[in-house]
Every structure is written in C-alpha cells, then in structure tokens.
C-alpha cells in the first residue's frame, strides 16, 4: 500500500491555489518552483521543482478531496 501524501497548499481565492510542500517517505519536501499548472473538470495539476531539484506532478482531485504526487 502506498502512503498518501500530506500536502500543504496556499489557499487564497480557492483551494488549492498552489502547493507549498508535501510529505515523501515521512519527510517534508518544500516546493521551490511551480513550472506549470492546468485544470481538467475534476482535477488541478501542478508541475513543480522541489528544493533539492527533483521534479514532480502534483494532482488534486476535487471530487475525492485527495492529492497524488508523481515523480517525474
């Protein structure tokens, strides 16, 4: 079973406006740069670069109120 990420996201006008950090293997990882963002009817996607230079796609599914973090 995979660990569900815990995501901290900025929420100004709506949630989630942009991710700030997430857990990976029990460790908090900071998002250093948001390189791309797009929406589908039920999801919002973020391509991010973390503070250690790793790249991830972060997906928030509105209907499930869940995040998925995918290594790139």
PDB file of N, CA and C in Angstrom:
ATOM      1  N   UNK A   1       0.845  -1.178   0.000  1.00  0.00           N
ATOM      2  CA  UNK A   1       0.000   0.000   0.000  1.00  0.00           C
ATOM      3  C   UNK A   1       0.892   1.244   0.000  1.00  0.00           C
ATOM      4  N   UNK A   2       0.561   2.208  -0.840  1.00  0.00           N
ATOM      5  CA  UNK A   2       1.362   3.427  -0.915  1.00  0.00           C
ATOM      6  C   UNK A   2       0.852   4.445   0.089  1.00  0.00           C
ATOM      7  N   UNK A   3       1.784   5.210   0.601  1.00  0.00           N
ATOM      8  CA  UNK A   3       1.463   6.252   1.566  1.00  0.00           C
ATOM      9  C   UNK A   3       0.811   7.426   0.852  1.00  0.00           C
ATOM     10  N   UNK A   4      -0.329   7.875   1.361  1.00  0.00           N
ATOM     11  CA  UNK A   4      -0.982   9.046   0.786  1.00  0.00           C
ATOM     12  C   UNK A   4      -0.229  10.296   1.235  1.00  0.00           C
ATOM     13  N   UNK A   5       0.122  11.172   0.294  1.00  0.00           N
ATOM     14  CA  UNK A   5       0.893  12.351   0.675  1.00  0.00           C
ATOM     15  C   UNK A   5       0.064  13.327   1.501  1.00  0.00           C
ATOM     16  N   UNK A   6       0.742  14.021   2.378  1.00  0.00           N
ATOM     17  CA  UNK A   6       0.138  15.132   3.099  1.00  0.00           C
ATOM     18  C   UNK A   6       0.658  16.384   2.421  1.00  0.00           C
ATOM     19  N   UNK A   7      -0.247  17.168   1.855  1.00  0.00           N
ATOM     20  CA  UNK A   7       0.136  18.337   1.071  1.00  0.00           C
ATOM     21  C   UNK A   7      -0.293  19.599   1.793  1.00  0.00           C
ATOM     22  N   UNK A   8       0.618  20.543   1.869  1.00  0.00           N
ATOM     23  CA  UNK A   8       0.309  21.882   2.362  1.00  0.00           C
ATOM     24  C   UNK A   8       0.189  22.762   1.121  1.00  0.00           C
ATOM     25  N   UNK A   9      -0.935  23.448   0.985  1.00  0.00           N
ATOM     26  CA  UNK A   9      -1.168  24.272  -0.203  1.00  0.00           C
ATOM     27  C   UNK A   9      -1.663  25.649   0.199  1.00  0.00           C
ATOM     28  N   UNK A  10      -1.237  26.649  -0.559  1.00  0.00           N
ATOM     29  CA  UNK A  10      -1.726  28.011  -0.366  1.00  0.00           C
ATOM     30  C   UNK A  10      -3.156  28.081  -0.874  1.00  0.00           C
ATOM     31  N   UNK A  11      -4.011  28.705  -0.096  1.00  0.00           N
ATOM     32  CA  UNK A  11      -5.409  28.857  -0.484  1.00  0.00           C
ATOM     33  C   UNK A  11      -5.798  30.324  -0.303  1.00  0.00           C
ATOM     34  N   UNK A  12      -5.722  31.078  -1.388  1.00  0.00           N
ATOM     35  CA  UNK A  12      -6.123  32.476  -1.348  1.00  0.00           C
ATOM     36  C   UNK A  12      -7.584  32.588  -1.736  1.00  0.00           C
ATOM     37  N   UNK A  13      -7.849  32.684  -3.027  1.00  0.00           N
ATOM     38  CA  UNK A  13      -9.217  32.793  -3.529  1.00  0.00           C
ATOM     39  C   UNK A  13      -9.912  31.426  -3.594  1.00  0.00           C
ATOM     40  N   UNK A  14      -9.132  30.342  -3.704  1.00  0.00           N
ATOM     41  CA  UNK A  14      -9.694  28.987  -3.768  1.00  0.00           C
ATOM     42  C   UNK A  14      -8.648  27.994  -3.281  1.00  0.00           C
ATOM     43  N   UNK A  15      -9.092  26.769  -2.989  1.00  0.00           N
ATOM     44  CA  UNK A  15      -8.174  25.693  -2.602  1.00  0.00           C
ATOM     45  C   UNK A  15      -8.135  24.673  -3.724  1.00  0.00           C
ATOM     46  N   UNK A  16      -6.988  24.223  -4.102  1.00  0.00           N
ATOM     47  CA  UNK A  16      -5.653  24.700  -3.783  1.00  0.00           C
ATOM     48  C   UNK A  16      -5.180  25.681  -4.850  1.00  0.00           C
ATOM     49  N   UNK A  17      -4.675  26.804  -4.439  1.00  0.00           N
ATOM     50  CA  UNK A  17      -4.139  27.766  -5.408  1.00  0.00           C
ATOM     51  C   UNK A  17      -2.766  27.336  -5.893  1.00  0.00           C
ATOM     52  N   UNK A  18      -1.927  26.885  -4.950  1.00  0.00           N
ATOM     53  CA  UNK A  18      -0.622  26.330  -5.328  1.00  0.00           C
ATOM     54  C   UNK A  18      -0.052  25.543  -4.157  1.00  0.00           C
ATOM     55  N   UNK A  19       0.622  24.426  -4.442  1.00  0.00           N
ATOM     56  CA  UNK A  19       1.217  23.634  -3.369  1.00  0.00           C
ATOM     57  C   UNK A  19       2.468  24.310  -2.811  1.00  0.00           C
ATOM     58  N   UNK A  20       2.675  24.118  -1.513  1.00  0.00           N
ATOM     59  CA  UNK A  20       3.816  24.699  -0.818  1.00  0.00           C
ATOM     60  C   UNK A  20       4.807  23.604  -0.400  1.00  0.00           C
ATOM     61  N   UNK A  21       4.275  22.458   0.054  1.00  0.00           N
ATOM     62  CA  UNK A  21       5.116  21.346   0.476  1.00  0.00           C
ATOM     63  C   UNK A  21       4.280  20.069   0.476  1.00  0.00           C
ATOM     64  N   UNK A  22       4.993  18.926   0.618  1.00  0.00           N
ATOM     65  CA  UNK A  22       4.318  17.642   0.744  1.00  0.00           C
ATOM     66  C   UNK A  22       5.233  16.681   1.486  1.00  0.00           C
ATOM     67  N   UNK A  23       4.657  15.590   1.997  1.00  0.00           N
ATOM     68  CA  UNK A  23       5.463  14.569   2.651  1.00  0.00           C
ATOM     69  C   UNK A  23       5.835  13.496   1.641  1.00  0.00           C
ATOM     70  N   UNK A  24       7.047  12.989   1.778  1.00  0.00           N
ATOM     71  CA  UNK A  24       7.538  11.897   0.924  1.00  0.00           C
ATOM     72  C   UNK A  24       8.409  11.017   1.808  1.00  0.00           C
ATOM     73  N   UNK A  25       7.965   9.778   2.029  1.00  0.00           N
ATOM     74  CA  UNK A  25       8.706   8.888   2.906  1.00  0.00           C
ATOM     75  C   UNK A  25       8.833   9.413   4.318  1.00  0.00           C
ATOM     76  N   UNK A  26       7.802  10.113   4.784  1.00  0.00           N
ATOM     77  CA  UNK A  26       7.814  10.658   6.125  1.00  0.00           C
ATOM     78  C   UNK A  26       8.602  11.959   6.267  1.00  0.00           C
ATOM     79  N   UNK A  27       9.138  12.451   5.169  1.00  0.00           N
ATOM     80  CA  UNK A  27       9.948  13.676   5.197  1.00  0.00           C
ATOM     81  C   UNK A  27       9.196  14.798   4.497  1.00  0.00           C
ATOM     82  N   UNK A  28       9.262  16.012   5.053  1.00  0.00           N
ATOM     83  CA  UNK A  28       8.622  17.173   4.434  1.00  0.00           C
ATOM     84  C   UNK A  28       9.513  17.690   3.313  1.00  0.00           C
ATOM     85  N   UNK A  29       8.928  17.854   2.131  1.00  0.00           N
ATOM     86  CA  UNK A  29       9.635  18.345   0.948  1.00  0.00           C
ATOM     87  C   UNK A  29       9.026  19.695   0.569  1.00  0.00           C
ATOM     88  N   UNK A  30       9.864  20.694   0.363  1.00  0.00           N
ATOM     89  CA  UNK A  30       9.397  22.038   0.035  1.00  0.00           C
ATOM     90  C   UNK A  30       9.368  22.251  -1.475  1.00  0.00           C
ATOM     91  N   UNK A  31       8.281  22.819  -1.968  1.00  0.00           N
ATOM     92  CA  UNK A  31       8.166  23.182  -3.382  1.00  0.00           C
ATOM     93  C   UNK A  31       8.913  24.501  -3.575  1.00  0.00           C
ATOM     94  N   UNK A  32       9.937  24.469  -4.439  1.00  0.00           N
ATOM     95  CA  UNK A  32      10.743  25.660  -4.695  1.00  0.00           C
ATOM     96  C   UNK A  32      10.211  26.454  -5.884  1.00  0.00           C
ATOM     97  N   UNK A  33       9.631  25.732  -6.862  1.00  0.00           N
ATOM     98  CA  UNK A  33       9.184  26.403  -8.094  1.00  0.00           C
ATOM     99  C   UNK A  33       7.980  25.676  -8.683  1.00  0.00           C
ATOM    100  N   UNK A  34       7.006  26.439  -9.096  1.00  0.00           N
ATOM    101  CA  UNK A  34       5.852  25.920  -9.836  1.00  0.00           C
ATOM    102  C   UNK A  34       6.120  26.228 -11.302  1.00  0.00           C
ATOM    103  N   UNK A  35       6.301  25.178 -12.129  1.00  0.00           N
ATOM    104  CA  UNK A  35       6.678  25.398 -13.526  1.00  0.00           C
ATOM    105  C   UNK A  35       5.497  25.369 -14.486  1.00  0.00           C
ATOM    106  N   UNK A  36       4.407  24.719 -14.080  1.00  0.00           N
ATOM    107  CA  UNK A  36       3.245  24.622 -14.960  1.00  0.00           C
ATOM    108  C   UNK A  36       2.023  24.258 -14.125  1.00  0.00           C
ATOM    109  N   UNK A  37       0.864  24.742 -14.558  1.00  0.00           N
ATOM    110  CA  UNK A  37      -0.386  24.450 -13.865  1.00  0.00           C
ATOM    111  C   UNK A  37      -1.496  24.355 -14.893  1.00  0.00           C
ATOM    112  N   UNK A  38      -2.392  23.357 -14.746  1.00  0.00           N
ATOM    113  CA  UNK A  38      -3.534  23.246 -15.645  1.00  0.00           C
ATOM    114  C   UNK A  38      -4.676  22.534 -14.941  1.00  0.00           C
ATOM    115  N   UNK A  39      -5.879  22.709 -15.490  1.00  0.00           N
ATOM    116  CA  UNK A  39      -7.100  22.136 -14.903  1.00  0.00           C
ATOM    117  C   UNK A  39      -7.811  21.230 -15.881  1.00  0.00           C
ATOM    118  N   UNK A  40      -8.497  20.255 -15.314  1.00  0.00           N
ATOM    119  CA  UNK A  40      -9.498  19.469 -16.032  1.00  0.00           C
ATOM    120  C   UNK A  40     -10.791  19.697 -15.242  1.00  0.00           C
ATOM    121  N   UNK A  41     -11.923  19.168 -15.695  1.00  0.00           N
ATOM    122  CA  UNK A  41     -13.151  19.416 -14.939  1.00  0.00           C
ATOM    123  C   UNK A  41     -13.102  18.980 -13.469  1.00  0.00           C
ATOM    124  N   UNK A  42     -12.375  17.892 -13.143  1.00  0.00           N
ATOM    125  CA  UNK A  42     -12.357  17.407 -11.762  1.00  0.00           C
ATOM    126  C   UNK A  42     -10.986  17.476 -11.092  1.00  0.00           C
ATOM    127  N   UNK A  43      -9.978  17.990 -11.786  1.00  0.00           N
ATOM    128  CA  UNK A  43      -8.622  17.977 -11.227  1.00  0.00           C
ATOM    129  C   UNK A  43      -7.894  19.286 -11.509  1.00  0.00           C
ATOM    130  N   UNK A  44      -6.894  19.538 -10.671  1.00  0.00           N
ATOM    131  CA  UNK A  44      -5.943  20.602 -10.953  1.00  0.00           C
ATOM    132  C   UNK A  44      -4.551  19.974 -10.847  1.00  0.00           C
ATOM    133  N   UNK A  45      -3.711  20.251 -11.821  1.00  0.00           N
ATOM    134  CA  UNK A  45      -2.379  19.661 -11.919  1.00  0.00           C
ATOM    135  C   UNK A  45      -1.321  20.744 -11.754  1.00  0.00           C
ATOM    136  N   UNK A  46      -0.233  20.373 -11.078  1.00  0.00           N
ATOM    137  CA  UNK A  46       0.896  21.277 -10.878  1.00  0.00           C
ATOM    138  C   UNK A  46       2.174  20.519 -11.204  1.00  0.00           C
ATOM    139  N   UNK A  47       3.008  21.039 -12.077  1.00  0.00           N
ATOM    140  CA  UNK A  47       4.370  20.544 -12.251  1.00  0.00           C
ATOM    141  C   UNK A  47       5.241  21.403 -11.355  1.00  0.00           C
ATOM    142  N   UNK A  48       6.000  20.758 -10.472  1.00  0.00           N
ATOM    143  CA  UNK A  48       6.802  21.501  -9.504  1.00  0.00           C
ATOM    144  C   UNK A  48       8.237  20.994  -9.474  1.00  0.00           C
ATOM    145  N   UNK A  49       9.123  21.859  -8.996  1.00  0.00           N
ATOM    146  CA  UNK A  49      10.507  21.517  -8.703  1.00  0.00           C
ATOM    147  C   UNK A  49      10.682  21.735  -7.204  1.00  0.00           C
ATOM    148  N   UNK A  50      11.252  20.743  -6.515  1.00  0.00           N
ATOM    149  CA  UNK A  50      11.438  20.852  -5.071  1.00  0.00           C
ATOM    150  C   UNK A  50      12.780  21.511  -4.745  1.00  0.00           C
ATOM    151  N   UNK A  51      12.966  21.787  -3.472  1.00  0.00           N
ATOM    152  CA  UNK A  51      14.194  22.465  -3.047  1.00  0.00           C
ATOM    153  C   UNK A  51      15.464  21.658  -3.313  1.00  0.00           C
ATOM    154  N   UNK A  52      15.343  20.338  -3.527  1.00  0.00           N
ATOM    155  CA  UNK A  52      16.522  19.531  -3.867  1.00  0.00           C
ATOM    156  C   UNK A  52      16.663  19.305  -5.373  1.00  0.00           C
ATOM    157  N   UNK A  53      15.828  19.978  -6.182  1.00  0.00           N
ATOM    158  CA  UNK A  53      15.915  19.890  -7.636  1.00  0.00           C
ATOM    159  C   UNK A  53      15.104  18.774  -8.272  1.00  0.00           C
ATOM    160  N   UNK A  54      14.391  17.991  -7.476  1.00  0.00           N
ATOM    161  CA  UNK A  54      13.548  16.919  -8.015  1.00  0.00           C
ATOM    162  C   UNK A  54      12.287  17.507  -8.637  1.00  0.00           C
ATOM    163  N   UNK A  55      11.739  16.792  -9.608  1.00  0.00           N
ATOM    164  CA  UNK A  55      10.525  17.241 -10.294  1.00  0.00           C
ATOM    165  C   UNK A  55       9.375  16.277 -10.009  1.00  0.00           C
ATOM    166  N   UNK A  56       8.198  16.871  -9.803  1.00  0.00           N
ATOM    167  CA  UNK A  56       7.001  16.091  -9.507  1.00  0.00           C
ATOM    168  C   UNK A  56       5.806  16.705 -10.207  1.00  0.00           C
ATOM    169  N   UNK A  57       4.818  15.844 -10.504  1.00  0.00           N
ATOM    170  CA  UNK A  57       3.491  16.319 -10.888  1.00  0.00           C
ATOM    171  C   UNK A  57       2.604  16.079  -9.683  1.00  0.00           C
ATOM    172  N   UNK A  58       1.929  17.123  -9.250  1.00  0.00           N
ATOM    173  CA  UNK A  58       1.012  17.026  -8.126  1.00  0.00           C
ATOM    174  C   UNK A  58      -0.407  17.213  -8.658  1.00  0.00           C
ATOM    175  N   UNK A  59      -1.293  16.274  -8.315  1.00  0.00           N
ATOM    176  CA  UNK A  59      -2.659  16.285  -8.822  1.00  0.00           C
ATOM    177  C   UNK A  59      -3.625  16.331  -7.643  1.00  0.00           C
ATOM    178  N   UNK A  60      -4.525  17.312  -7.667  1.00  0.00           N
ATOM    179  CA  UNK A  60      -5.579  17.380  -6.662  1.00  0.00           C
ATOM    180  C   UNK A  60      -6.897  17.040  -7.330  1.00  0.00           C
ATOM    181  N   UNK A  61      -7.603  16.029  -6.791  1.00  0.00           N
ATOM    182  CA  UNK A  61      -8.899  15.603  -7.329  1.00  0.00           C
ATOM    183  C   UNK A  61     -10.000  16.157  -6.438  1.00  0.00           C
ATOM    184  N   UNK A  62     -10.775  17.099  -7.000  1.00  0.00           N
ATOM    185  CA  UNK A  62     -11.814  17.789  -6.242  1.00  0.00           C
ATOM    186  C   UNK A  62     -12.864  16.832  -5.696  1.00  0.00           C
ATOM    187  N   UNK A  63     -13.350  15.887  -6.503  1.00  0.00           N
ATOM    188  CA  UNK A  63     -14.442  15.009  -6.078  1.00  0.00           C
ATOM    189  C   UNK A  63     -14.031  14.071  -4.949  1.00  0.00           C
ATOM    190  N   UNK A  64     -12.744  13.754  -4.851  1.00  0.00           N
ATOM    191  CA  UNK A  64     -12.255  12.849  -3.801  1.00  0.00           C
ATOM    192  C   UNK A  64     -11.559  13.601  -2.662  1.00  0.00           C
ATOM    193  N   UNK A  65     -11.302  14.897  -2.867  1.00  0.00           N
ATOM    194  CA  UNK A  65     -10.560  15.698  -1.901  1.00  0.00           C
ATOM    195  C   UNK A  65      -9.246  15.001  -1.555  1.00  0.00           C
ATOM    196  N   UNK A  66      -8.507  14.582  -2.626  1.00  0.00           N
ATOM    197  CA  UNK A  66      -7.271  13.829  -2.454  1.00  0.00           C
ATOM    198  C   UNK A  66      -6.180  14.340  -3.365  1.00  0.00           C
ATOM    199  N   UNK A  67      -4.949  14.186  -2.894  1.00  0.00           N
ATOM    200  CA  UNK A  67      -3.758  14.528  -3.658  1.00  0.00           C
ATOM    201  C   UNK A  67      -3.050  13.269  -4.128  1.00  0.00           C
ATOM    202  N   UNK A  68      -2.378  13.382  -5.272  1.00  0.00           N
ATOM    203  CA  UNK A  68      -1.461  12.365  -5.761  1.00  0.00           C
ATOM    204  C   UNK A  68      -0.173  13.092  -6.154  1.00  0.00           C
ATOM    205  N   UNK A  69       0.969  12.541  -5.772  1.00  0.00           N
ATOM    206  CA  UNK A  69       2.269  13.129  -6.105  1.00  0.00           C
ATOM    207  C   UNK A  69       3.039  12.100  -6.905  1.00  0.00           C
ATOM    208  N   UNK A  70       3.425  12.482  -8.139  1.00  0.00           N
ATOM    209  CA  UNK A  70       4.061  11.565  -9.084  1.00  0.00           C
ATOM    210  C   UNK A  70       5.455  12.091  -9.425  1.00  0.00           C
ATOM    211  N   UNK A  71       6.484  11.259  -9.191  1.00  0.00           N
ATOM    212  CA  UNK A  71       7.855  11.655  -9.546  1.00  0.00           C
ATOM    213  C   UNK A  71       7.972  11.723 -11.055  1.00  0.00           C
ATOM    214  N   UNK A  72       8.725  12.720 -11.544  1.00  0.00           N
ATOM    215  CA  UNK A  72       8.938  12.904 -12.987  1.00  0.00           C
ATOM    216  C   UNK A  72      10.304  12.435 -13.387  1.00  0.00           C
TER     217      UNK A  72
END
